[in-house]
Amino acid sequence: MQSLERKIIKVNGHKVPLLIIKPCQQADRVPVVVWFHGGGYVLGNERLVFLGRAYGLVERFGVTVVSVGYRLAPWHRYPAALEDCYGGLLYVKKNAEKLGVDANQIMIGGESAGGGLTCATAILARDRKEVDVKYMMPLYPMIDHLDTPSSCNNHNKVWNTRRNHFGWNMYLGKEARENVSPYASPARLKDFHGLPNAYTFVCTEEPFYDETVTWFEKLKEAGVDARIDVYPGLYHAFDMLEPRRKESLLAIKRFEENFARVLEEMKRRQEES
């Protein structure tokens, strides 16, 4: 069982809802995962966390999850969503004691556009040096506003070229194709040094396959422990839409095994320090 609390915080004068999910018998100073929902930057809210990977971490591993209901495009274009996600991250750090979480064990993650915001938030946190993100989990992230081999002429279900163009145009504006910041489109990032260790999974037939693989290769080149699982075929967000499918069960199993490994490593480092 979990306890749920909905809280409204202010980010640059805007109201941002948070959904805080804790184990009913939470130990003090547990690790915390700040989660960003998917929806192509134009759909969704903080309650989508119940459909994805983060929700199960609460019961299985005893961590706290904080889901951020960031502002959506086109009513609020970039950088509104990023500001809200980063604001949620800062809130968790500054209120760690009140939340019963460990400010030195903060992780971030999200699916799809939430994965893109995970990457962007990690870059922003590295550059501003206000909060130390220990780990990131950008699952099949939406991180490149330009076409890649897998996002061009993609007609798969759920998410495809047409919907991808629509999402990016709503988030950035149709005129924003050149000189786009890596905070908006993380694939534009040049320097990957200093980013947190990372894990993702992605399937080969979805639009985000190439951008995900390329981004994780660049993380590895920069010395980041970046791990990726690739599933042949399938379609975007297959694990959320068909959670009982054998490939989904395998993806969930590997995701949780990796999370367990990360928790053990953080625990060991704390004991050594």
C-alpha atoms as a PDB file:
ATOM      1  CA  MET A   1       0.000   0.000   0.000  1.00  0.00           C
ATOM      2  CA  GLN A   2       1.032   3.574  -0.644  1.00  0.00           C
ATOM      3  CA  SER A   3       0.083   6.957   0.717  1.00  0.00           C
ATOM      4  CA  LEU A   4      -0.728   9.735  -1.740  1.00  0.00           C
ATOM      5  CA  GLU A   5      -0.447  13.465  -1.239  1.00  0.00           C
ATOM      6  CA  ARG A   6      -1.167  16.151  -3.804  1.00  0.00           C
ATOM      7  CA  LYS A   7       0.660  19.419  -3.317  1.00  0.00           C
ATOM      8  CA  ILE A   8       0.742  22.663  -5.268  1.00  0.00           C
ATOM      9  CA  ILE A   9       4.042  24.530  -5.453  1.00  0.00           C
ATOM     10  CA  LYS A  10       4.899  27.831  -7.089  1.00  0.00           C
ATOM     11  CA  VAL A  11       7.482  27.965  -9.882  1.00  0.00           C
ATOM     12  CA  ASN A  12       8.180  31.464 -11.190  1.00  0.00           C
ATOM     13  CA  GLY A  13       4.708  32.494 -10.053  1.00  0.00           C
ATOM     14  CA  HIS A  14       2.972  29.524 -11.697  1.00  0.00           C
ATOM     15  CA  LYS A  15       1.102  26.794  -9.822  1.00  0.00           C
ATOM     16  CA  VAL A  16       2.619  23.351 -10.404  1.00  0.00           C
ATOM     17  CA  PRO A  17       0.939  20.224  -8.987  1.00  0.00           C
ATOM     18  CA  LEU A  18       3.013  17.467  -7.437  1.00  0.00           C
ATOM     19  CA  LEU A  19       1.792  13.969  -6.645  1.00  0.00           C
ATOM     20  CA  ILE A  20       3.840  12.515  -3.776  1.00  0.00           C
ATOM     21  CA  ILE A  21       3.666   8.717  -3.462  1.00  0.00           C
ATOM     22  CA  LYS A  22       5.157   7.073  -0.375  1.00  0.00           C
ATOM     23  CA  PRO A  23       5.125   3.600   1.144  1.00  0.00           C
ATOM     24  CA  CYS A  24       2.651   3.503   4.013  1.00  0.00           C
ATOM     25  CA  GLN A  25       5.434   2.302   6.308  1.00  0.00           C
ATOM     26  CA  GLN A  26       8.141   4.591   4.979  1.00  0.00           C
ATOM     27  CA  ALA A  27      11.530   4.547   6.643  1.00  0.00           C
ATOM     28  CA  ASP A  28      13.206   7.899   7.254  1.00  0.00           C
ATOM     29  CA  ARG A  29      15.505   9.411   4.620  1.00  0.00           C
ATOM     30  CA  VAL A  30      14.709   7.047   1.764  1.00  0.00           C
ATOM     31  CA  PRO A  31      15.851   7.595  -1.833  1.00  0.00           C
ATOM     32  CA  VAL A  32      13.484   9.682  -3.944  1.00  0.00           C
ATOM     33  CA  VAL A  33      12.611   9.583  -7.629  1.00  0.00           C
ATOM     34  CA  VAL A  34      11.292  12.755  -9.266  1.00  0.00           C
ATOM     35  CA  TRP A  35       9.232  11.631 -12.274  1.00  0.00           C
ATOM     36  CA  PHE A  36       8.089  13.488 -15.398  1.00  0.00           C
ATOM     37  CA  HIS A  37       5.119  12.106 -17.369  1.00  0.00           C
ATOM     38  CA  GLY A  38       4.954  11.568 -21.115  1.00  0.00           C
ATOM     39  CA  GLY A  39       2.522  13.000 -23.639  1.00  0.00           C
ATOM     40  CA  GLY A  40       4.565  14.620 -26.411  1.00  0.00           C
ATOM     41  CA  TYR A  41       4.890  17.857 -24.393  1.00  0.00           C
ATOM     42  CA  VAL A  42       1.196  18.536 -25.137  1.00  0.00           C
ATOM     43  CA  LEU A  43      -0.777  15.942 -23.135  1.00  0.00           C
ATOM     44  CA  GLY A  44      -0.883  14.307 -19.724  1.00  0.00           C
ATOM     45  CA  ASN A  45      -0.602  15.175 -16.078  1.00  0.00           C
ATOM     46  CA  GLU A  46       1.095  13.985 -12.914  1.00  0.00           C
ATOM     47  CA  ARG A  47      -1.383  11.086 -12.523  1.00  0.00           C
ATOM     48  CA  LEU A  48       0.064   9.292 -15.544  1.00  0.00           C
ATOM     49  CA  VAL A  49       2.709   8.027 -13.130  1.00  0.00           C
ATOM     50  CA  PHE A  50       0.276   5.220 -12.262  1.00  0.00           C
ATOM     51  CA  LEU A  51       0.574   3.775 -15.787  1.00  0.00           C
ATOM     52  CA  GLY A  52       4.348   3.828 -16.044  1.00  0.00           C
ATOM     53  CA  ARG A  53       7.453   2.439 -14.463  1.00  0.00           C
ATOM     54  CA  ALA A  54       7.851   4.735 -11.454  1.00  0.00           C
ATOM     55  CA  TYR A  55       4.753   3.719  -9.503  1.00  0.00           C
ATOM     56  CA  GLY A  56       5.932   0.149  -8.918  1.00  0.00           C
ATOM     57  CA  LEU A  57       9.198   1.376  -7.416  1.00  0.00           C
ATOM     58  CA  VAL A  58       7.363   2.636  -4.327  1.00  0.00           C
ATOM     59  CA  GLU A  59       5.996  -0.731  -3.257  1.00  0.00           C
ATOM     60  CA  ARG A  60       8.877  -2.890  -4.441  1.00  0.00           C
ATOM     61  CA  PHE A  61      11.800  -0.792  -3.201  1.00  0.00           C
ATOM     62  CA  GLY A  62      10.327   1.478  -0.524  1.00  0.00           C
ATOM     63  CA  VAL A  63      11.353   4.715  -2.248  1.00  0.00           C
ATOM     64  CA  THR A  64       9.308   7.888  -2.552  1.00  0.00           C
ATOM     65  CA  VAL A  65       8.181   9.054  -5.987  1.00  0.00           C
ATOM     66  CA  VAL A  66       7.276  12.679  -6.717  1.00  0.00           C
ATOM     67  CA  SER A  67       5.435  13.171 -10.009  1.00  0.00           C
ATOM     68  CA  VAL A  68       5.472  16.682 -11.495  1.00  0.00           C
ATOM     69  CA  GLY A  69       2.460  18.069 -13.382  1.00  0.00           C
ATOM     70  CA  TYR A  70       4.348  20.481 -15.606  1.00  0.00           C
ATOM     71  CA  ARG A  71       2.694  23.047 -17.892  1.00  0.00           C
ATOM     72  CA  LEU A  72       1.822  21.850 -21.386  1.00  0.00           C
ATOM     73  CA  ALA A  73       2.297  23.232 -24.886  1.00  0.00           C
ATOM     74  CA  PRO A  74       1.047  25.009 -26.902  1.00  0.00           C
ATOM     75  CA  TRP A  75      -0.461  27.127 -24.126  1.00  0.00           C
ATOM     76  CA  HIS A  76       2.918  27.144 -22.409  1.00  0.00           C
ATOM     77  CA  ARG A  77       5.840  26.659 -24.770  1.00  0.00           C
ATOM     78  CA  TYR A  78       9.449  25.918 -23.870  1.00  0.00           C
ATOM     79  CA  PRO A  79      10.901  26.626 -21.320  1.00  0.00           C
ATOM     80  CA  ALA A  80       7.730  26.359 -19.180  1.00  0.00           C
ATOM     81  CA  ALA A  81       7.766  22.556 -18.818  1.00  0.00           C
ATOM     82  CA  LEU A  82      11.492  22.496 -18.054  1.00  0.00           C
ATOM     83  CA  GLU A  83      11.151  25.263 -15.464  1.00  0.00           C
ATOM     84  CA  ASP A  84       8.361  23.313 -13.755  1.00  0.00           C
ATOM     85  CA  CYS A  85      10.332  20.051 -13.756  1.00  0.00           C
ATOM     86  CA  TYR A  86      13.424  21.751 -12.399  1.00  0.00           C
ATOM     87  CA  GLY A  87      11.273  23.583  -9.846  1.00  0.00           C
ATOM     88  CA  GLY A  88       9.862  20.261  -8.679  1.00  0.00           C
ATOM     89  CA  LEU A  89      13.388  18.898  -8.354  1.00  0.00           C
ATOM     90  CA  LEU A  90      14.487  21.896  -6.283  1.00  0.00           C
ATOM     91  CA  TYR A  91      11.405  21.569  -4.073  1.00  0.00           C
ATOM     92  CA  VAL A  92      12.320  17.973  -3.273  1.00  0.00           C
ATOM     93  CA  LYS A  93      15.875  18.939  -2.388  1.00  0.00           C
ATOM     94  CA  LYS A  94      14.871  21.874  -0.189  1.00  0.00           C
ATOM     95  CA  ASN A  95      12.083  19.937   1.553  1.00  0.00           C
ATOM     96  CA  ALA A  96      13.828  16.580   1.830  1.00  0.00           C
ATOM     97  CA  GLU A  97      13.530  16.418   5.621  1.00  0.00           C
ATOM     98  CA  LYS A  98       9.807  17.218   5.532  1.00  0.00           C
ATOM     99  CA  LEU A  99       9.279  14.594   2.823  1.00  0.00           C
ATOM    100  CA  GLY A 100      11.321  12.022   4.729  1.00  0.00           C
ATOM    101  CA  VAL A 101      13.729  11.533   1.829  1.00  0.00           C
ATOM    102  CA  ASP A 102      17.491  11.714   1.443  1.00  0.00           C
ATOM    103  CA  ALA A 103      18.629  14.874  -0.354  1.00  0.00           C
ATOM    104  CA  ASN A 104      21.797  12.995  -1.314  1.00  0.00           C
ATOM    105  CA  GLN A 105      19.867  10.235  -3.089  1.00  0.00           C
ATOM    106  CA  ILE A 106      17.751  12.095  -5.629  1.00  0.00           C
ATOM    107  CA  MET A 107      17.023  10.424  -8.965  1.00  0.00           C
ATOM    108  CA  ILE A 108      14.975  11.619 -11.929  1.00  0.00           C
ATOM    109  CA  GLY A 109      13.154   9.848 -14.728  1.00  0.00           C
ATOM    110  CA  GLY A 110      10.258   9.783 -17.127  1.00  0.00           C
ATOM    111  CA  GLU A 111       8.816   8.224 -20.255  1.00  0.00           C
ATOM    112  CA  SER A 112       8.773   9.736 -23.760  1.00  0.00           C
ATOM    113  CA  ALA A 113       8.486  13.534 -23.458  1.00  0.00           C
ATOM    114  CA  GLY A 114       9.047  12.971 -19.752  1.00  0.00           C
ATOM    115  CA  GLY A 115      12.257  11.209 -20.740  1.00  0.00           C
ATOM    116  CA  GLY A 116      13.206  14.266 -22.776  1.00  0.00           C
ATOM    117  CA  LEU A 117      12.515  16.486 -19.783  1.00  0.00           C
ATOM    118  CA  THR A 118      14.609  14.105 -17.673  1.00  0.00           C
ATOM    119  CA  CYS A 119      17.588  14.677 -19.978  1.00  0.00           C
ATOM    120  CA  ALA A 120      16.994  18.435 -20.105  1.00  0.00           C
ATOM    121  CA  THR A 121      16.589  18.668 -16.315  1.00  0.00           C
ATOM    122  CA  ALA A 122      19.801  16.690 -15.797  1.00  0.00           C
ATOM    123  CA  ILE A 123      21.685  19.097 -18.075  1.00  0.00           C
ATOM    124  CA  LEU A 124      20.217  22.114 -16.284  1.00  0.00           C
ATOM    125  CA  ALA A 125      21.004  20.676 -12.844  1.00  0.00           C
ATOM    126  CA  ARG A 126      24.593  19.983 -13.909  1.00  0.00           C
ATOM    127  CA  ASP A 127      25.032  23.512 -15.233  1.00  0.00           C
ATOM    128  CA  ARG A 128      23.359  25.383 -12.361  1.00  0.00           C
ATOM    129  CA  LYS A 129      24.962  23.243  -9.644  1.00  0.00           C
ATOM    130  CA  GLU A 130      22.046  23.726  -7.232  1.00  0.00           C
ATOM    131  CA  VAL A 131      21.103  20.075  -6.830  1.00  0.00           C
ATOM    132  CA  ASP A 132      23.068  16.877  -7.356  1.00  0.00           C
ATOM    133  CA  VAL A 133      21.112  14.347  -9.400  1.00  0.00           C
ATOM    134  CA  LYS A 134      22.491  10.901  -8.597  1.00  0.00           C
ATOM    135  CA  TYR A 135      20.854   8.949 -11.418  1.00  0.00           C
ATOM    136  CA  MET A 136      18.553   9.438 -14.401  1.00  0.00           C
ATOM    137  CA  MET A 137      16.142   7.121 -16.199  1.00  0.00           C
ATOM    138  CA  PRO A 138      14.964   8.750 -19.451  1.00  0.00           C
ATOM    139  CA  LEU A 139      12.902   5.931 -20.954  1.00  0.00           C
ATOM    140  CA  TYR A 140      12.545   6.053 -24.779  1.00  0.00           C
ATOM    141  CA  PRO A 141      13.069   9.820 -24.536  1.00  0.00           C
ATOM    142  CA  MET A 142      11.807  12.482 -26.933  1.00  0.00           C
ATOM    143  CA  ILE A 143      15.036  14.456 -27.287  1.00  0.00           C
ATOM    144  CA  ASP A 144      15.589  15.502 -30.931  1.00  0.00           C
ATOM    145  CA  HIS A 145      13.423  18.131 -32.636  1.00  0.00           C
ATOM    146  CA  LEU A 146      15.082  17.290 -35.970  1.00  0.00           C
ATOM    147  CA  ASP A 147      14.313  14.161 -37.961  1.00  0.00           C
ATOM    148  CA  THR A 148      16.496  11.087 -37.452  1.00  0.00           C
ATOM    149  CA  PRO A 149      16.508   7.884 -39.531  1.00  0.00           C
ATOM    150  CA  SER A 150      13.964   6.276 -37.192  1.00  0.00           C
ATOM    151  CA  SER A 151      11.732   9.335 -36.715  1.00  0.00           C
ATOM    152  CA  CYS A 152      11.571  10.188 -40.428  1.00  0.00           C
ATOM    153  CA  ASN A 153       8.816   8.435 -42.425  1.00  0.00           C
ATOM    154  CA  ASN A 154       7.752   6.481 -39.363  1.00  0.00           C
ATOM    155  CA  HIS A 155       4.151   5.286 -39.560  1.00  0.00           C
ATOM    156  CA  ASN A 156       4.013   3.079 -36.480  1.00  0.00           C
ATOM    157  CA  LYS A 157       1.119   3.287 -34.029  1.00  0.00           C
ATOM    158  CA  VAL A 158       0.945   5.445 -30.895  1.00  0.00           C
ATOM    159  CA  TRP A 159       3.739   7.833 -31.974  1.00  0.00           C
ATOM    160  CA  ASN A 160       5.033   8.485 -35.483  1.00  0.00           C
ATOM    161  CA  THR A 161       6.529  11.180 -37.721  1.00  0.00           C
ATOM    162  CA  ARG A 162       3.342  13.224 -38.024  1.00  0.00           C
ATOM    163  CA  ARG A 163       2.674  13.269 -34.290  1.00  0.00           C
ATOM    164  CA  ASN A 164       6.337  13.911 -33.535  1.00  0.00           C
ATOM    165  CA  HIS A 165       6.396  16.986 -35.776  1.00  0.00           C
ATOM    166  CA  PHE A 166       3.188  18.203 -34.165  1.00  0.00           C
ATOM    167  CA  GLY A 167       4.545  17.785 -30.631  1.00  0.00           C
ATOM    168  CA  TRP A 168       7.790  19.590 -31.338  1.00  0.00           C
ATOM    169  CA  ASN A 169       6.044  22.398 -33.229  1.00  0.00           C
ATOM    170  CA  MET A 170       3.707  22.942 -30.296  1.00  0.00           C
ATOM    171  CA  TYR A 171       6.565  22.861 -27.774  1.00  0.00           C
ATOM    172  CA  LEU A 172       9.069  25.028 -29.628  1.00  0.00           C
ATOM    173  CA  GLY A 173       6.991  26.845 -32.253  1.00  0.00           C
ATOM    174  CA  LYS A 174       7.074  26.036 -35.967  1.00  0.00           C
ATOM    175  CA  GLU A 175       9.765  28.617 -36.657  1.00  0.00           C
ATOM    176  CA  ALA A 176      12.220  27.147 -34.124  1.00  0.00           C
ATOM    177  CA  ARG A 177      14.343  24.741 -36.189  1.00  0.00           C
ATOM    178  CA  GLU A 178      17.835  26.230 -35.944  1.00  0.00           C
ATOM    179  CA  ASN A 179      19.923  27.285 -32.930  1.00  0.00           C
ATOM    180  CA  VAL A 180      17.732  25.342 -30.522  1.00  0.00           C
ATOM    181  CA  SER A 181      19.117  24.997 -27.000  1.00  0.00           C
ATOM    182  CA  PRO A 182      19.989  21.554 -25.606  1.00  0.00           C
ATOM    183  CA  TYR A 183      17.731  22.490 -22.696  1.00  0.00           C
ATOM    184  CA  ALA A 184      14.883  22.340 -25.229  1.00  0.00           C
ATOM    185  CA  SER A 185      16.164  19.579 -27.509  1.00  0.00           C
ATOM    186  CA  PRO A 186      18.774  17.556 -25.565  1.00  0.00           C
ATOM    187  CA  ALA A 187      20.122  15.952 -28.768  1.00  0.00           C
ATOM    188  CA  ARG A 188      21.774  19.326 -29.455  1.00  0.00           C
ATOM    189  CA  LEU A 189      24.059  18.859 -26.436  1.00  0.00           C
ATOM    190  CA  LYS A 190      27.791  18.989 -27.193  1.00  0.00           C
ATOM    191  CA  ASP A 191      29.361  18.314 -23.783  1.00  0.00           C
ATOM    192  CA  PHE A 192      28.097  15.237 -21.946  1.00  0.00           C
ATOM    193  CA  HIS A 193      30.672  15.326 -19.152  1.00  0.00           C
ATOM    194  CA  GLY A 194      29.331  15.566 -15.622  1.00  0.00           C
ATOM    195  CA  LEU A 195      25.888  14.176 -16.332  1.00  0.00           C
ATOM    196  CA  PRO A 196      24.524  11.520 -13.959  1.00  0.00           C
ATOM    197  CA  ASN A 197      24.731   7.816 -14.709  1.00  0.00           C
ATOM    198  CA  ALA A 198      21.752   6.614 -16.688  1.00  0.00           C
ATOM    199  CA  TYR A 199      19.527   3.771 -17.833  1.00  0.00           C
ATOM    200  CA  THR A 200      16.954   3.510 -20.606  1.00  0.00           C
ATOM    201  CA  PHE A 201      15.165   1.051 -22.820  1.00  0.00           C
ATOM    202  CA  VAL A 202      13.742   1.578 -26.300  1.00  0.00           C
ATOM    203  CA  CYS A 203      12.350  -0.481 -29.185  1.00  0.00           C
ATOM    204  CA  THR A 204      13.714  -0.487 -32.726  1.00  0.00           C
ATOM    205  CA  GLU A 205      10.580   0.516 -34.638  1.00  0.00           C
ATOM    206  CA  GLU A 206       9.623   3.627 -32.762  1.00  0.00           C
ATOM    207  CA  PRO A 207      10.591   7.208 -33.740  1.00  0.00           C
ATOM    208  CA  PHE A 208      12.922   7.710 -30.771  1.00  0.00           C
ATOM    209  CA  TYR A 209      15.144   4.682 -31.379  1.00  0.00           C
ATOM    210  CA  ASP A 210      18.043   6.445 -33.135  1.00  0.00           C
ATOM    211  CA  GLU A 211      18.108   9.546 -30.954  1.00  0.00           C
ATOM    212  CA  THR A 212      18.065   7.421 -27.802  1.00  0.00           C
ATOM    213  CA  VAL A 213      20.901   5.148 -28.946  1.00  0.00           C
ATOM    214  CA  THR A 214      22.989   8.121 -30.131  1.00  0.00           C
ATOM    215  CA  TRP A 215      22.496  10.061 -26.890  1.00  0.00           C
ATOM    216  CA  PHE A 216      23.509   7.088 -24.764  1.00  0.00           C
ATOM    217  CA  GLU A 217      26.568   6.443 -26.930  1.00  0.00           C
ATOM    218  CA  LYS A 218      27.652  10.047 -26.321  1.00  0.00           C
ATOM    219  CA  LEU A 219      27.104   9.601 -22.588  1.00  0.00           C
ATOM    220  CA  LYS A 220      29.403   6.556 -22.653  1.00  0.00           C
ATOM    221  CA  GLU A 221      32.028   8.460 -24.646  1.00  0.00           C
ATOM    222  CA  ALA A 222      32.019  11.087 -21.885  1.00  0.00           C
ATOM    223  CA  GLY A 223      32.707   8.435 -19.245  1.00  0.00           C
ATOM    224  CA  VAL A 224      29.137   8.179 -17.945  1.00  0.00           C
ATOM    225  CA  ASP A 225      27.849   4.743 -16.934  1.00  0.00           C
ATOM    226  CA  ALA A 226      24.976   4.680 -19.427  1.00  0.00           C
ATOM    227  CA  ARG A 227      23.089   1.420 -19.901  1.00  0.00           C
ATOM    228  CA  ILE A 228      20.518   0.698 -22.569  1.00  0.00           C
ATOM    229  CA  ASP A 229      18.253  -2.253 -23.354  1.00  0.00           C
ATOM    230  CA  VAL A 230      16.908  -2.487 -26.914  1.00  0.00           C
ATOM    231  CA  TYR A 231      13.805  -4.485 -27.904  1.00  0.00           C
ATOM    232  CA  PRO A 232      13.304  -5.502 -31.543  1.00  0.00           C
ATOM    233  CA  GLY A 233      10.156  -4.379 -33.316  1.00  0.00           C
ATOM    234  CA  LEU A 234       7.234  -3.208 -31.174  1.00  0.00           C
ATOM    235  CA  TYR A 235       6.057   0.387 -30.856  1.00  0.00           C
ATOM    236  CA  HIS A 236       6.371   3.448 -28.665  1.00  0.00           C
ATOM    237  CA  ALA A 237       5.412   2.963 -24.993  1.00  0.00           C
ATOM    238  CA  PHE A 238       4.690  -0.729 -25.525  1.00  0.00           C
ATOM    239  CA  ASP A 239       5.414  -1.449 -21.862  1.00  0.00           C
ATOM    240  CA  MET A 240       2.703   0.943 -20.688  1.00  0.00           C
ATOM    241  CA  LEU A 241       0.049  -0.073 -23.208  1.00  0.00           C
ATOM    242  CA  GLU A 242       0.605  -3.844 -23.063  1.00  0.00           C
ATOM    243  CA  PRO A 243       2.144  -4.459 -19.632  1.00  0.00           C
ATOM    244  CA  ARG A 244       1.410  -8.222 -19.711  1.00  0.00           C
ATOM    245  CA  ARG A 245       3.106  -8.798 -23.065  1.00  0.00           C
ATOM    246  CA  LYS A 246       6.246 -10.936 -22.722  1.00  0.00           C
ATOM    247  CA  GLU A 247       8.511  -8.173 -24.047  1.00  0.00           C
ATOM    248  CA  SER A 248       6.931  -5.715 -21.627  1.00  0.00           C
ATOM    249  CA  LEU A 249       7.402  -8.084 -18.699  1.00  0.00           C
ATOM    250  CA  LEU A 250      11.058  -8.455 -19.678  1.00  0.00           C
ATOM    251  CA  ALA A 251      11.498  -4.682 -20.005  1.00  0.00           C
ATOM    252  CA  ILE A 252       9.914  -4.115 -16.589  1.00  0.00           C
ATOM    253  CA  LYS A 253      12.055  -6.846 -15.046  1.00  0.00           C
ATOM    254  CA  ARG A 254      15.294  -5.387 -16.444  1.00  0.00           C
ATOM    255  CA  PHE A 255      14.273  -1.867 -15.465  1.00  0.00           C
ATOM    256  CA  GLU A 256      13.669  -2.945 -11.869  1.00  0.00           C
ATOM    257  CA  GLU A 257      16.838  -5.045 -11.751  1.00  0.00           C
ATOM    258  CA  ASN A 258      18.830  -2.020 -12.824  1.00  0.00           C
ATOM    259  CA  PHE A 259      17.090   0.121 -10.221  1.00  0.00           C
ATOM    260  CA  ALA A 260      17.968  -2.402  -7.511  1.00  0.00           C
ATOM    261  CA  ARG A 261      21.597  -2.287  -8.638  1.00  0.00           C
ATOM    262  CA  VAL A 262      21.614   1.515  -8.458  1.00  0.00           C
ATOM    263  CA  LEU A 263      20.158   1.501  -4.933  1.00  0.00           C
ATOM    264  CA  GLU A 264      22.846  -0.934  -3.798  1.00  0.00           C
ATOM    265  CA  GLU A 265      25.590   1.226  -5.296  1.00  0.00           C
ATOM    266  CA  MET A 266      24.255   4.376  -3.623  1.00  0.00           C
ATOM    267  CA  LYS A 267      24.003   2.560  -0.304  1.00  0.00           C
ATOM    268  CA  ARG A 268      27.561   1.292  -0.598  1.00  0.00           C
ATOM    269  CA  ARG A 269      28.917   4.740  -1.437  1.00  0.00           C
ATOM    270  CA  GLN A 270      27.129   6.270   1.530  1.00  0.00           C
ATOM    271  CA  GLU A 271      28.606   3.645   3.843  1.00  0.00           C
ATOM    272  CA  GLU A 272      32.098   4.302   2.485  1.00  0.00           C
ATOM    273  CA  SER A 273      31.838   8.095   2.820  1.00  0.00           C
END
